[in-house]
Amino acid sequence: TPDDAYALPHHLVIVADAYNCRVLELRGNQIVRSIGQAGHCVHDPPRYLGAVNGDTPLPNHDILVSEINGSYLDEFTLSGRLVRVYKAPVTYPSDPQLTLRGNILLADYTSPGAVVILSRRTGRLLWRYRVTSGPGMLDHPSLAAMLPNGMIALNDDHNQRVVIINPRTKKIVWTYGHLGRPGTAPGYLNTPDGFQFIPVTASG
């Protein structure tokens, strides 16, 4: 069950090999390095990891890894050295990303779901969006990322939509998809599980 592959410089690819409980660094068809070991699914980094579902590359070339069991976030160098470990205040940490200020933005893949921002330096909770009822409630959000304007886009997987949240007002300000109605026609989504922000020119 590989999850979240990223292409890095020098033909290197990293992938979260989720239920093999490891992050692999690949070059071509060769494994260059394994952080964690298949079949050893316990939190003991860097030797062993629990099930992983995120392996985000950072600007300093480290990797930010999310472990599902225990809600751990681990920062590693590409050489596999453990830099720090955070204990996230969520049930199911999914796909950590960096904010514009360099802190950690994290989706909580549960229902009611949540989105949190943690201090990258201390792991302290800085901000949280969690609505427990009504159209603002999230149902298994899997990825949250901050846009260049500071708004937060996220997949609201089981609600069949992608939304943008204003972090200042904690309100949903944009939606694509129809709440709770999966589909494949224009305007509909069917369990969205990923997105990528692509900047375009004024002409498109």
Protein backbone atom coordinates (compact mmCIF):
# COMPACT_ATOMS: atom_id res chain seq x y z
CA THR A 1 0.00 0.00 0.00
CA PRO A 2 2.48 2.71 -1.11
CA ASP A 3 1.34 6.27 -0.41
CA ASP A 4 2.70 9.71 -1.32
CA ALA A 5 5.65 9.40 -3.69
CA TYR A 6 7.82 12.46 -4.34
CA ALA A 7 10.47 13.02 -7.01
CA LEU A 8 13.62 14.65 -5.61
CA PRO A 9 16.80 15.92 -7.29
CA HIS A 10 19.40 13.48 -8.62
CA HIS A 11 16.73 11.02 -9.83
CA LEU A 12 15.77 10.10 -6.27
CA VAL A 13 12.18 9.15 -5.40
CA ILE A 14 10.84 8.75 -1.86
CA VAL A 15 7.67 6.82 -1.06
CA ALA A 16 5.76 6.03 2.12
CA ASP A 17 5.33 2.24 2.01
CA ALA A 18 2.41 2.54 4.39
CA TYR A 19 1.67 -0.87 5.89
CA ASN A 20 5.20 -2.13 5.36
CA CYS A 21 5.96 0.56 7.95
CA ARG A 22 8.86 2.17 6.14
CA VAL A 23 9.89 5.06 3.91
CA LEU A 24 11.89 4.02 0.87
CA GLU A 25 14.39 6.06 -1.12
CA LEU A 26 14.52 4.75 -4.68
CA ARG A 27 16.75 5.40 -7.65
CA GLY A 28 15.52 3.63 -10.75
CA ASN A 29 14.47 0.15 -9.65
CA GLN A 30 16.90 0.08 -6.74
CA ILE A 31 16.22 0.75 -3.05
CA VAL A 32 18.86 3.24 -1.93
CA ARG A 33 17.73 3.41 1.69
CA SER A 34 14.92 2.23 3.95
CA ILE A 35 13.87 4.21 7.00
CA GLY A 36 12.07 1.57 9.06
CA GLN A 37 11.90 -2.11 8.23
CA ALA A 38 9.12 -4.15 6.65
CA GLY A 39 7.38 -6.32 9.22
CA HIS A 40 8.55 -4.26 12.23
CA CYS A 41 5.61 -1.93 12.79
CA VAL A 42 6.46 -0.19 16.05
CA HIS A 43 7.45 3.37 16.87
CA ASP A 44 11.21 3.23 17.41
CA PRO A 45 12.69 5.69 14.89
CA PRO A 46 14.90 5.59 12.96
CA ARG A 47 15.16 1.81 13.28
CA TYR A 48 11.44 1.02 13.14
CA LEU A 49 8.29 2.97 12.25
CA GLY A 50 4.60 2.35 12.67
CA ALA A 51 2.33 2.45 9.63
CA VAL A 52 3.23 5.57 7.65
CA ASN A 53 1.08 7.66 5.32
CA GLY A 54 3.16 10.76 4.65
CA ASP A 55 6.78 11.49 3.67
CA THR A 56 6.88 15.17 2.79
CA PRO A 57 10.20 16.60 1.55
CA LEU A 58 11.20 19.84 3.32
CA PRO A 59 13.14 22.84 1.94
CA ASN A 60 16.24 21.84 3.95
CA HIS A 61 16.10 18.37 2.29
CA ASP A 62 14.80 16.63 5.41
CA ILE A 63 11.69 14.41 5.27
CA LEU A 64 8.61 14.86 7.48
CA VAL A 65 6.99 11.48 8.14
CA SER A 66 3.59 10.80 9.70
CA GLU A 67 3.04 7.59 11.67
CA ILE A 68 -0.61 6.60 12.00
CA ASN A 69 -0.36 4.57 15.20
CA GLY A 70 0.46 6.82 18.11
CA SER A 71 0.03 10.00 16.02
CA TYR A 72 3.75 10.63 15.65
CA LEU A 73 5.48 13.03 13.27
CA ASP A 74 9.15 12.31 12.64
CA GLU A 75 11.68 14.51 10.87
CA PHE A 76 14.58 12.68 9.21
CA THR A 77 17.50 13.66 7.06
CA LEU A 78 17.80 11.91 3.70
CA SER A 79 20.59 9.85 5.22
CA GLY A 80 18.07 8.45 7.71
CA ARG A 81 19.18 10.37 10.80
CA LEU A 82 16.34 11.26 13.18
CA VAL A 83 16.14 15.02 13.78
CA ARG A 84 13.08 15.26 16.04
CA VAL A 85 9.80 13.58 16.96
CA TYR A 86 6.47 15.28 17.59
CA LYS A 87 3.36 13.83 19.22
CA ALA A 88 0.46 15.32 17.26
CA PRO A 89 -2.82 16.17 19.05
CA VAL A 90 -4.89 14.28 16.46
CA THR A 91 -6.41 10.81 16.09
CA TYR A 92 -5.00 9.92 12.65
CA PRO A 93 -2.25 12.21 11.32
CA SER A 94 -2.34 12.49 7.53
CA ASP A 95 0.19 14.00 5.12
CA PRO A 96 1.97 16.79 7.06
CA GLN A 97 2.86 19.89 5.04
CA LEU A 98 4.57 23.18 5.87
CA THR A 99 2.79 26.50 6.25
CA LEU A 100 4.12 29.70 4.73
CA ARG A 101 5.83 30.42 8.07
CA GLY A 102 7.45 26.99 8.20
CA ASN A 103 5.18 25.38 10.79
CA ILE A 104 3.41 22.02 10.32
CA LEU A 105 -0.05 21.80 8.77
CA LEU A 106 -1.74 18.45 9.38
CA ALA A 107 -5.07 16.83 8.50
CA ASP A 108 -6.78 14.58 11.07
CA TYR A 109 -8.27 11.72 9.03
CA THR A 110 -11.33 10.94 11.13
CA SER A 111 -14.93 12.08 11.60
CA PRO A 112 -15.50 14.74 12.70
CA GLY A 113 -12.19 15.55 11.05
CA ALA A 114 -9.86 18.42 11.81
CA VAL A 115 -6.95 20.45 10.53
CA VAL A 116 -4.22 21.66 12.87
CA ILE A 117 -1.10 23.80 12.72
CA LEU A 118 1.79 22.83 15.00
CA SER A 119 4.99 24.66 15.81
CA ARG A 120 7.79 22.94 13.91
CA ARG A 121 10.21 23.92 16.66
CA THR A 122 8.25 22.67 19.70
CA GLY A 123 5.27 20.68 18.36
CA ARG A 124 2.89 23.00 20.26
CA LEU A 125 -0.63 23.39 18.87
CA LEU A 126 -0.97 26.84 17.24
CA TRP A 127 -4.31 26.57 15.43
CA ARG A 128 -7.17 24.12 14.93
CA TYR A 129 -10.24 23.84 12.70
CA ARG A 130 -12.74 21.29 13.97
CA VAL A 131 -16.49 21.63 13.46
CA THR A 132 -18.64 18.85 14.93
CA SER A 133 -21.90 19.31 13.01
CA GLY A 134 -23.42 21.01 9.98
CA PRO A 135 -21.92 21.71 6.55
CA GLY A 136 -18.63 22.89 8.07
CA MET A 137 -17.91 19.46 9.57
CA LEU A 138 -15.12 17.51 7.87
CA ASP A 139 -15.38 13.76 7.24
CA HIS A 140 -11.97 12.07 6.90
CA PRO A 141 -9.89 14.92 5.45
CA SER A 142 -6.69 13.39 4.07
CA LEU A 143 -4.54 16.29 2.88
CA ALA A 144 -4.36 19.96 3.84
CA ALA A 145 -1.99 22.45 2.21
CA MET A 146 -1.55 26.20 2.55
CA LEU A 147 -1.97 28.23 -0.63
CA PRO A 148 0.27 31.21 -1.46
CA ASN A 149 -2.43 33.60 -0.16
CA GLY A 150 -2.49 31.87 3.25
CA MET A 151 -5.79 30.06 2.73
CA ILE A 152 -5.91 26.33 3.51
CA ALA A 153 -7.10 23.89 0.85
CA LEU A 154 -8.00 20.34 1.80
CA ASN A 155 -9.56 17.12 0.60
CA ASP A 156 -12.73 16.36 2.56
CA ASP A 157 -12.68 12.76 1.36
CA HIS A 158 -15.91 11.21 2.61
CA ASN A 159 -17.84 14.46 2.11
CA GLN A 160 -16.89 14.18 -1.60
CA ARG A 161 -15.44 17.68 -1.87
CA VAL A 162 -12.37 19.87 -1.83
CA VAL A 163 -12.70 23.00 0.28
CA ILE A 164 -10.71 26.12 1.08
CA ILE A 165 -10.76 27.44 4.65
CA ASN A 166 -9.93 30.96 5.73
CA PRO A 167 -7.69 30.33 8.77
CA ARG A 168 -8.50 33.75 10.26
CA THR A 169 -12.28 33.28 10.30
CA LYS A 170 -12.25 29.45 10.38
CA LYS A 171 -14.93 29.44 7.66
CA ILE A 172 -15.14 27.47 4.43
CA VAL A 173 -14.91 30.06 1.65
CA TRP A 174 -14.80 27.83 -1.46
CA THR A 175 -16.00 24.34 -2.33
CA TYR A 176 -15.73 22.01 -5.30
CA GLY A 177 -17.98 18.96 -5.20
CA HIS A 178 -21.38 18.32 -3.66
CA LEU A 179 -21.60 17.60 0.07
CA GLY A 180 -22.03 13.87 0.63
CA ARG A 181 -22.89 13.19 -3.05
CA PRO A 182 -20.18 11.30 -4.96
CA GLY A 183 -20.15 11.51 -8.73
CA THR A 184 -18.05 11.68 -11.87
CA ALA A 185 -19.88 14.42 -13.75
CA PRO A 186 -18.45 17.96 -13.94
CA GLY A 187 -18.79 19.61 -10.55
CA TYR A 188 -18.69 16.30 -8.66
CA LEU A 189 -15.93 14.33 -6.94
CA ASN A 190 -15.73 10.71 -5.82
CA THR A 191 -13.66 10.33 -2.63
CA PRO A 192 -10.96 12.89 -3.47
CA ASP A 193 -7.67 11.82 -1.92
CA GLY A 194 -5.11 14.27 -3.25
CA PHE A 195 -4.57 17.60 -4.95
CA GLN A 196 -1.68 19.74 -6.11
CA PHE A 197 -1.73 23.53 -6.34
CA ILE A 198 -0.51 24.58 -9.78
CA PRO A 199 0.25 28.28 -10.29
CA VAL A 200 -0.70 29.66 -13.68
CA THR A 201 0.00 32.84 -15.60
CA ALA A 202 -2.60 35.58 -16.01
CA SER A 203 -3.48 34.09 -19.40
CA GLY A 204 -3.95 30.65 -17.89
